[in-house]
Amino acid sequence: MDMTDDEREYWRGMRALTMNEAGYEVFVGLDAAESERFLGLSRRHEAGEDLNDDQAYRALRERHEAARQEVVNGRADLDG
């Protein structure tokens, strides 16, 4: 994905990024296209745009966060 080194460091520290079976960097729980969409939406949200009512953002965030929590809690591998 096209992100800065600082963004990558932040997301990796949060256990939010992984490599998929095709070798693409993706957000945990999302495919490559969804990850690109989520990154763009997350940037907008972090810049102050309220996306909490945006169905696409909320659905991607919830799927990603559920998968990320599996990693954080040791029930799934980050780069498995």
PDB file of N, CA and C in Angstrom:
ATOM      1  N   MET A   1       0.839  -1.183   0.000  1.00  0.00           N
ATOM      2  CA  MET A   1       0.000   0.000   0.000  1.00  0.00           C
ATOM      3  C   MET A   1       0.877   1.237   0.000  1.00  0.00           C
ATOM      4  N   ASP A   2       0.313   2.283  -0.495  1.00  0.00           N
ATOM      5  CA  ASP A   2       1.035   3.545  -0.585  1.00  0.00           C
ATOM      6  C   ASP A   2       0.827   4.332   0.709  1.00  0.00           C
ATOM      7  N   MET A   3       1.750   4.123   1.648  1.00  0.00           N
ATOM      8  CA  MET A   3       1.672   4.850   2.917  1.00  0.00           C
ATOM      9  C   MET A   3       3.067   5.304   3.318  1.00  0.00           C
ATOM     10  N   THR A   4       3.099   6.268   4.182  1.00  0.00           N
ATOM     11  CA  THR A   4       4.386   6.776   4.648  1.00  0.00           C
ATOM     12  C   THR A   4       5.024   5.775   5.606  1.00  0.00           C
ATOM     13  N   ASP A   5       6.311   5.954   5.826  1.00  0.00           N
ATOM     14  CA  ASP A   5       7.002   5.098   6.791  1.00  0.00           C
ATOM     15  C   ASP A   5       6.400   5.253   8.182  1.00  0.00           C
ATOM     16  N   ASP A   6       6.024   6.482   8.542  1.00  0.00           N
ATOM     17  CA  ASP A   6       5.411   6.720   9.854  1.00  0.00           C
ATOM     18  C   ASP A   6       4.070   6.012   9.970  1.00  0.00           C
ATOM     19  N   GLU A   7       3.262   6.067   8.918  1.00  0.00           N
ATOM     20  CA  GLU A   7       1.981   5.360   8.942  1.00  0.00           C
ATOM     21  C   GLU A   7       2.207   3.859   9.077  1.00  0.00           C
ATOM     22  N   ARG A   8       3.128   3.345   8.288  1.00  0.00           N
ATOM     23  CA  ARG A   8       3.409   1.906   8.323  1.00  0.00           C
ATOM     24  C   ARG A   8       3.879   1.488   9.724  1.00  0.00           C
ATOM     25  N   GLU A   9       4.757   2.273  10.318  1.00  0.00           N
ATOM     26  CA  GLU A   9       5.246   1.968  11.663  1.00  0.00           C
ATOM     27  C   GLU A   9       4.096   1.975  12.668  1.00  0.00           C
ATOM     28  N   TYR A  10       3.219   2.958  12.568  1.00  0.00           N
ATOM     29  CA  TYR A  10       2.065   3.042  13.466  1.00  0.00           C
ATOM     30  C   TYR A  10       1.171   1.812  13.300  1.00  0.00           C
ATOM     31  N   TRP A  11       0.780   1.513  12.055  1.00  0.00           N
ATOM     32  CA  TRP A  11      -0.138   0.396  11.818  1.00  0.00           C
ATOM     33  C   TRP A  11       0.498  -0.937  12.200  1.00  0.00           C
ATOM     34  N   ARG A  12       1.789  -1.121  11.924  1.00  0.00           N
ATOM     35  CA  ARG A  12       2.454  -2.365  12.318  1.00  0.00           C
ATOM     36  C   ARG A  12       2.511  -2.480  13.844  1.00  0.00           C
ATOM     37  N   GLY A  13       2.779  -1.367  14.509  1.00  0.00           N
ATOM     38  CA  GLY A  13       2.792  -1.361  15.966  1.00  0.00           C
ATOM     39  C   GLY A  13       1.442  -1.714  16.566  1.00  0.00           C
ATOM     40  N   MET A  14       0.384  -1.386  15.844  1.00  0.00           N
ATOM     41  CA  MET A  14      -0.983  -1.700  16.293  1.00  0.00           C
ATOM     42  C   MET A  14      -1.390  -3.127  15.907  1.00  0.00           C
ATOM     43  N   ARG A  15      -0.466  -3.834  15.259  1.00  0.00           N
ATOM     44  CA  ARG A  15      -0.737  -5.184  14.747  1.00  0.00           C
ATOM     45  C   ARG A  15      -1.903  -5.169  13.763  1.00  0.00           C
ATOM     46  N   ALA A  16      -1.899  -4.162  12.910  1.00  0.00           N
ATOM     47  CA  ALA A  16      -2.994  -3.954  11.970  1.00  0.00           C
ATOM     48  C   ALA A  16      -2.635  -4.323  10.539  1.00  0.00           C
ATOM     49  N   LEU A  17      -1.345  -4.454  10.217  1.00  0.00           N
ATOM     50  CA  LEU A  17      -0.905  -4.776   8.858  1.00  0.00           C
ATOM     51  C   LEU A  17      -0.319  -6.168   8.802  1.00  0.00           C
ATOM     52  N   THR A  18      -0.555  -6.823   7.681  1.00  0.00           N
ATOM     53  CA  THR A  18       0.001  -8.146   7.442  1.00  0.00           C
ATOM     54  C   THR A  18       0.279  -8.278   5.956  1.00  0.00           C
ATOM     55  N   MET A  19       0.830  -9.392   5.554  1.00  0.00           N
ATOM     56  CA  MET A  19       1.029  -9.710   4.149  1.00  0.00           C
ATOM     57  C   MET A  19       0.053 -10.822   3.790  1.00  0.00           C
ATOM     58  N   ASN A  20      -0.673 -10.639   2.680  1.00  0.00           N
ATOM     59  CA  ASN A  20      -1.601 -11.692   2.273  1.00  0.00           C
ATOM     60  C   ASN A  20      -0.856 -12.781   1.510  1.00  0.00           C
ATOM     61  N   GLU A  21      -1.567 -13.811   1.106  1.00  0.00           N
ATOM     62  CA  GLU A  21      -0.942 -14.962   0.462  1.00  0.00           C
ATOM     63  C   GLU A  21      -0.303 -14.610  -0.877  1.00  0.00           C
ATOM     64  N   ALA A  22      -0.722 -13.515  -1.488  1.00  0.00           N
ATOM     65  CA  ALA A  22      -0.138 -13.070  -2.759  1.00  0.00           C
ATOM     66  C   ALA A  22       1.056 -12.137  -2.551  1.00  0.00           C
ATOM     67  N   GLY A  23       1.387 -11.849  -1.276  1.00  0.00           N
ATOM     68  CA  GLY A  23       2.522 -11.004  -0.970  1.00  0.00           C
ATOM     69  C   GLY A  23       2.212  -9.520  -0.901  1.00  0.00           C
ATOM     70  N   TYR A  24       0.929  -9.177  -0.865  1.00  0.00           N
ATOM     71  CA  TYR A  24       0.529  -7.776  -0.755  1.00  0.00           C
ATOM     72  C   TYR A  24       0.317  -7.386   0.703  1.00  0.00           C
ATOM     73  N   GLU A  25       0.738  -6.189   1.029  1.00  0.00           N
ATOM     74  CA  GLU A  25       0.495  -5.642   2.361  1.00  0.00           C
ATOM     75  C   GLU A  25      -0.974  -5.270   2.453  1.00  0.00           C
ATOM     76  N   VAL A  26      -1.646  -5.766   3.487  1.00  0.00           N
ATOM     77  CA  VAL A  26      -3.072  -5.513   3.687  1.00  0.00           C
ATOM     78  C   VAL A  26      -3.351  -5.288   5.162  1.00  0.00           C
ATOM     79  N   PHE A  27      -4.488  -4.702   5.427  1.00  0.00           N
ATOM     80  CA  PHE A  27      -4.945  -4.610   6.807  1.00  0.00           C
ATOM     81  C   PHE A  27      -5.498  -5.974   7.210  1.00  0.00           C
ATOM     82  N   VAL A  28      -5.213  -6.375   8.427  1.00  0.00           N
ATOM     83  CA  VAL A  28      -5.692  -7.646   8.959  1.00  0.00           C
ATOM     84  C   VAL A  28      -7.211  -7.720   8.782  1.00  0.00           C
ATOM     85  N   GLY A  29      -7.681  -8.817   8.218  1.00  0.00           N
ATOM     86  CA  GLY A  29      -9.114  -9.038   8.040  1.00  0.00           C
ATOM     87  C   GLY A  29      -9.695  -8.469   6.761  1.00  0.00           C
ATOM     88  N   LEU A  30      -8.891  -7.756   5.977  1.00  0.00           N
ATOM     89  CA  LEU A  30      -9.379  -7.143   4.743  1.00  0.00           C
ATOM     90  C   LEU A  30      -8.556  -7.622   3.553  1.00  0.00           C
ATOM     91  N   ASP A  31      -9.164  -7.622   2.364  1.00  0.00           N
ATOM     92  CA  ASP A  31      -8.399  -7.956   1.170  1.00  0.00           C
ATOM     93  C   ASP A  31      -7.692  -6.710   0.647  1.00  0.00           C
ATOM     94  N   ALA A  32      -6.967  -6.837  -0.443  1.00  0.00           N
ATOM     95  CA  ALA A  32      -6.143  -5.728  -0.942  1.00  0.00           C
ATOM     96  C   ALA A  32      -6.987  -4.510  -1.313  1.00  0.00           C
ATOM     97  N   ALA A  33      -8.072  -4.712  -2.044  1.00  0.00           N
ATOM     98  CA  ALA A  33      -8.923  -3.578  -2.444  1.00  0.00           C
ATOM     99  C   ALA A  33      -9.568  -2.921  -1.229  1.00  0.00           C
ATOM    100  N   GLU A  34     -10.051  -3.740  -0.309  1.00  0.00           N
ATOM    101  CA  GLU A  34     -10.657  -3.198   0.913  1.00  0.00           C
ATOM    102  C   GLU A  34      -9.629  -2.434   1.742  1.00  0.00           C
ATOM    103  N   SER A  35      -8.399  -2.924   1.760  1.00  0.00           N
ATOM    104  CA  SER A  35      -7.346  -2.263   2.524  1.00  0.00           C
ATOM    105  C   SER A  35      -7.044  -0.881   1.969  1.00  0.00           C
ATOM    106  N   GLU A  36      -6.991  -0.759   0.651  1.00  0.00           N
ATOM    107  CA  GLU A  36      -6.767   0.549   0.031  1.00  0.00           C
ATOM    108  C   GLU A  36      -7.900   1.508   0.382  1.00  0.00           C
ATOM    109  N   ARG A  37      -9.114   1.011   0.309  1.00  0.00           N
ATOM    110  CA  ARG A  37     -10.290   1.841   0.647  1.00  0.00           C
ATOM    111  C   ARG A  37     -10.247   2.243   2.122  1.00  0.00           C
ATOM    112  N   PHE A  38      -9.936   1.288   2.995  1.00  0.00           N
ATOM    113  CA  PHE A  38      -9.882   1.557   4.423  1.00  0.00           C
ATOM    114  C   PHE A  38      -8.801   2.573   4.757  1.00  0.00           C
ATOM    115  N   LEU A  39      -7.652   2.467   4.106  1.00  0.00           N
ATOM    116  CA  LEU A  39      -6.573   3.417   4.349  1.00  0.00           C
ATOM    117  C   LEU A  39      -7.028   4.831   3.998  1.00  0.00           C
ATOM    118  N   GLY A  40      -7.647   4.997   2.841  1.00  0.00           N
ATOM    119  CA  GLY A  40      -8.124   6.318   2.441  1.00  0.00           C
ATOM    120  C   GLY A  40      -9.173   6.869   3.389  1.00  0.00           C
ATOM    121  N   LEU A  41     -10.109   6.031   3.777  1.00  0.00           N
ATOM    122  CA  LEU A  41     -11.155   6.463   4.711  1.00  0.00           C
ATOM    123  C   LEU A  41     -10.567   6.774   6.081  1.00  0.00           C
ATOM    124  N   SER A  42      -9.617   5.967   6.521  1.00  0.00           N
ATOM    125  CA  SER A  42      -8.992   6.201   7.825  1.00  0.00           C
ATOM    126  C   SER A  42      -8.234   7.519   7.845  1.00  0.00           C
ATOM    127  N   ARG A  43      -7.573   7.825   6.755  1.00  0.00           N
ATOM    128  CA  ARG A  43      -6.863   9.104   6.668  1.00  0.00           C
ATOM    129  C   ARG A  43      -7.847  10.268   6.770  1.00  0.00           C
ATOM    130  N   ARG A  44      -8.963  10.164   6.079  1.00  0.00           N
ATOM    131  CA  ARG A  44      -9.982  11.213   6.158  1.00  0.00           C
ATOM    132  C   ARG A  44     -10.515  11.355   7.575  1.00  0.00           C
ATOM    133  N   HIS A  45     -10.760  10.218   8.226  1.00  0.00           N
ATOM    134  CA  HIS A  45     -11.275  10.227   9.592  1.00  0.00           C
ATOM    135  C   HIS A  45     -10.265  10.866  10.542  1.00  0.00           C
ATOM    136  N   GLU A  46      -9.003  10.483  10.399  1.00  0.00           N
ATOM    137  CA  GLU A  46      -7.948  11.040  11.254  1.00  0.00           C
ATOM    138  C   GLU A  46      -7.752  12.535  11.016  1.00  0.00           C
ATOM    139  N   ALA A  47      -8.084  13.006   9.813  1.00  0.00           N
ATOM    140  CA  ALA A  47      -7.964  14.427   9.490  1.00  0.00           C
ATOM    141  C   ALA A  47      -9.132  15.235  10.040  1.00  0.00           C
ATOM    142  N   GLY A  48     -10.092  14.552  10.673  1.00  0.00           N
ATOM    143  CA  GLY A  48     -11.181  15.259  11.320  1.00  0.00           C
ATOM    144  C   GLY A  48     -12.548  15.060  10.704  1.00  0.00           C
ATOM    145  N   GLU A  49     -12.616  14.353   9.591  1.00  0.00           N
ATOM    146  CA  GLU A  49     -13.916  14.098   8.974  1.00  0.00           C
ATOM    147  C   GLU A  49     -14.634  13.004   9.762  1.00  0.00           C
ATOM    148  N   ASP A  50     -15.859  13.269  10.153  1.00  0.00           N
ATOM    149  CA  ASP A  50     -16.628  12.294  10.923  1.00  0.00           C
ATOM    150  C   ASP A  50     -17.220  11.252   9.983  1.00  0.00           C
ATOM    151  N   LEU A  51     -16.654  10.064  10.013  1.00  0.00           N
ATOM    152  CA  LEU A  51     -17.121   8.979   9.152  1.00  0.00           C
ATOM    153  C   LEU A  51     -17.841   7.890   9.943  1.00  0.00           C
ATOM    154  N   ASN A  52     -18.183   8.172  11.179  1.00  0.00           N
ATOM    155  CA  ASN A  52     -18.830   7.156  12.002  1.00  0.00           C
ATOM    156  C   ASN A  52     -20.179   6.711  11.454  1.00  0.00           C
ATOM    157  N   ASP A  53     -20.832   7.546  10.662  1.00  0.00           N
ATOM    158  CA  ASP A  53     -22.107   7.161  10.056  1.00  0.00           C
ATOM    159  C   ASP A  53     -21.945   6.632   8.635  1.00  0.00           C
ATOM    160  N   ASP A  54     -20.716   6.580   8.141  1.00  0.00           N
ATOM    161  CA  ASP A  54     -20.449   6.062   6.799  1.00  0.00           C
ATOM    162  C   ASP A  54     -20.469   4.533   6.863  1.00  0.00           C
ATOM    163  N   GLN A  55     -21.425   3.926   6.179  1.00  0.00           N
ATOM    164  CA  GLN A  55     -21.612   2.470   6.247  1.00  0.00           C
ATOM    165  C   GLN A  55     -20.370   1.707   5.788  1.00  0.00           C
ATOM    166  N   ALA A  56     -19.743   2.158   4.701  1.00  0.00           N
ATOM    167  CA  ALA A  56     -18.566   1.460   4.175  1.00  0.00           C
ATOM    168  C   ALA A  56     -17.419   1.512   5.182  1.00  0.00           C
ATOM    169  N   TYR A  57     -17.159   2.696   5.712  1.00  0.00           N
ATOM    170  CA  TYR A  57     -16.072   2.842   6.685  1.00  0.00           C
ATOM    171  C   TYR A  57     -16.344   1.998   7.922  1.00  0.00           C
ATOM    172  N   ARG A  58     -17.564   2.074   8.413  1.00  0.00           N
ATOM    173  CA  ARG A  58     -17.901   1.336   9.630  1.00  0.00           C
ATOM    174  C   ARG A  58     -17.766  -0.175   9.424  1.00  0.00           C
ATOM    175  N   ALA A  59     -18.232  -0.675   8.285  1.00  0.00           N
ATOM    176  CA  ALA A  59     -18.158  -2.118   8.011  1.00  0.00           C
ATOM    177  C   ALA A  59     -16.702  -2.577   7.901  1.00  0.00           C
ATOM    178  N   LEU A  60     -15.884  -1.811   7.184  1.00  0.00           N
ATOM    179  CA  LEU A  60     -14.471  -2.168   7.053  1.00  0.00           C
ATOM    180  C   LEU A  60     -13.764  -2.091   8.399  1.00  0.00           C
ATOM    181  N   ARG A  61     -14.028  -1.029   9.146  1.00  0.00           N
ATOM    182  CA  ARG A  61     -13.384  -0.854  10.451  1.00  0.00           C
ATOM    183  C   ARG A  61     -13.763  -1.995  11.405  1.00  0.00           C
ATOM    184  N   GLU A  62     -15.030  -2.369  11.409  1.00  0.00           N
ATOM    185  CA  GLU A  62     -15.476  -3.433  12.314  1.00  0.00           C
ATOM    186  C   GLU A  62     -14.864  -4.779  11.950  1.00  0.00           C
ATOM    187  N   ARG A  63     -14.815  -5.107  10.655  1.00  0.00           N
ATOM    188  CA  ARG A  63     -14.198  -6.374  10.241  1.00  0.00           C
ATOM    189  C   ARG A  63     -12.713  -6.386  10.555  1.00  0.00           C
ATOM    190  N   HIS A  64     -12.057  -5.271  10.249  1.00  0.00           N
ATOM    191  CA  HIS A  64     -10.630  -5.170  10.523  1.00  0.00           C
ATOM    192  C   HIS A  64     -10.364  -5.276  12.029  1.00  0.00           C
ATOM    193  N   GLU A  65     -11.113  -4.548  12.822  1.00  0.00           N
ATOM    194  CA  GLU A  65     -10.864  -4.529  14.265  1.00  0.00           C
ATOM    195  C   GLU A  65     -11.131  -5.893  14.894  1.00  0.00           C
ATOM    196  N   ALA A  66     -12.139  -6.598  14.441  1.00  0.00           N
ATOM    197  CA  ALA A  66     -12.412  -7.943  14.968  1.00  0.00           C
ATOM    198  C   ALA A  66     -11.233  -8.872  14.672  1.00  0.00           C
ATOM    199  N   ALA A  67     -10.702  -8.806  13.457  1.00  0.00           N
ATOM    200  CA  ALA A  67      -9.559  -9.643  13.088  1.00  0.00           C
ATOM    201  C   ALA A  67      -8.307  -9.209  13.843  1.00  0.00           C
ATOM    202  N   ARG A  68      -8.128  -7.904  14.008  1.00  0.00           N
ATOM    203  CA  ARG A  68      -6.951  -7.391  14.724  1.00  0.00           C
ATOM    204  C   ARG A  68      -6.973  -7.844  16.180  1.00  0.00           C
ATOM    205  N   GLN A  69      -8.135  -7.848  16.790  1.00  0.00           N
ATOM    206  CA  GLN A  69      -8.238  -8.290  18.183  1.00  0.00           C
ATOM    207  C   GLN A  69      -7.867  -9.766  18.326  1.00  0.00           C
ATOM    208  N   GLU A  70      -8.153 -10.568  17.314  1.00  0.00           N
ATOM    209  CA  GLU A  70      -7.735 -11.977  17.341  1.00  0.00           C
ATOM    210  C   GLU A  70      -6.209 -12.072  17.392  1.00  0.00           C
ATOM    211  N   VAL A  71      -5.535 -11.203  16.653  1.00  0.00           N
ATOM    212  CA  VAL A  71      -4.069 -11.159  16.682  1.00  0.00           C
ATOM    213  C   VAL A  71      -3.576 -10.671  18.029  1.00  0.00           C
ATOM    214  N   VAL A  72      -4.124  -9.563  18.491  1.00  0.00           N
ATOM    215  CA  VAL A  72      -3.697  -8.970  19.763  1.00  0.00           C
ATOM    216  C   VAL A  72      -3.860  -9.963  20.908  1.00  0.00           C
ATOM    217  N   ASN A  73      -4.930 -10.723  20.878  1.00  0.00           N
ATOM    218  CA  ASN A  73      -5.207 -11.676  21.958  1.00  0.00           C
ATOM    219  C   ASN A  73      -4.547 -13.039  21.758  1.00  0.00           C
ATOM    220  N   GLY A  74      -3.703 -13.153  20.745  1.00  0.00           N
ATOM    221  CA  GLY A  74      -2.936 -14.386  20.538  1.00  0.00           C
ATOM    222  C   GLY A  74      -3.705 -15.525  19.928  1.00  0.00           C
ATOM    223  N   ARG A  75      -4.876 -15.245  19.375  1.00  0.00           N
ATOM    224  CA  ARG A  75      -5.679 -16.314  18.769  1.00  0.00           C
ATOM    225  C   ARG A  75      -5.449 -16.437  17.265  1.00  0.00           C
ATOM    226  N   ALA A  76      -4.667 -15.518  16.699  1.00  0.00           N
ATOM    227  CA  ALA A  76      -4.330 -15.557  15.277  1.00  0.00           C
ATOM    228  C   ALA A  76      -2.928 -15.003  15.105  1.00  0.00           C
ATOM    229  N   ASP A  77      -2.255 -15.456  14.051  1.00  0.00           N
ATOM    230  CA  ASP A  77      -0.907 -14.966  13.754  1.00  0.00           C
ATOM    231  C   ASP A  77      -0.997 -13.713  12.899  1.00  0.00           C
ATOM    232  N   LEU A  78      -0.090 -12.786  13.130  1.00  0.00           N
ATOM    233  CA  LEU A  78      -0.077 -11.562  12.345  1.00  0.00           C
ATOM    234  C   LEU A  78       0.387 -11.830  10.922  1.00  0.00           C
ATOM    235  N   ASP A  79       1.484 -12.480  10.766  1.00  0.00           N
ATOM    236  CA  ASP A  79       2.038 -12.768   9.447  1.00  0.00           C
ATOM    237  C   ASP A  79       2.085 -14.275   9.232  1.00  0.00           C
ATOM    238  N   GLY A  80       0.922 -14.888   9.357  1.00  0.00           N
ATOM    239  CA  GLY A  80       0.834 -16.329   9.318  1.00  0.00           C
ATOM    240  C   GLY A  80       0.924 -16.935   8.000  1.00  0.00           C
TER     241      GLY A  80
END
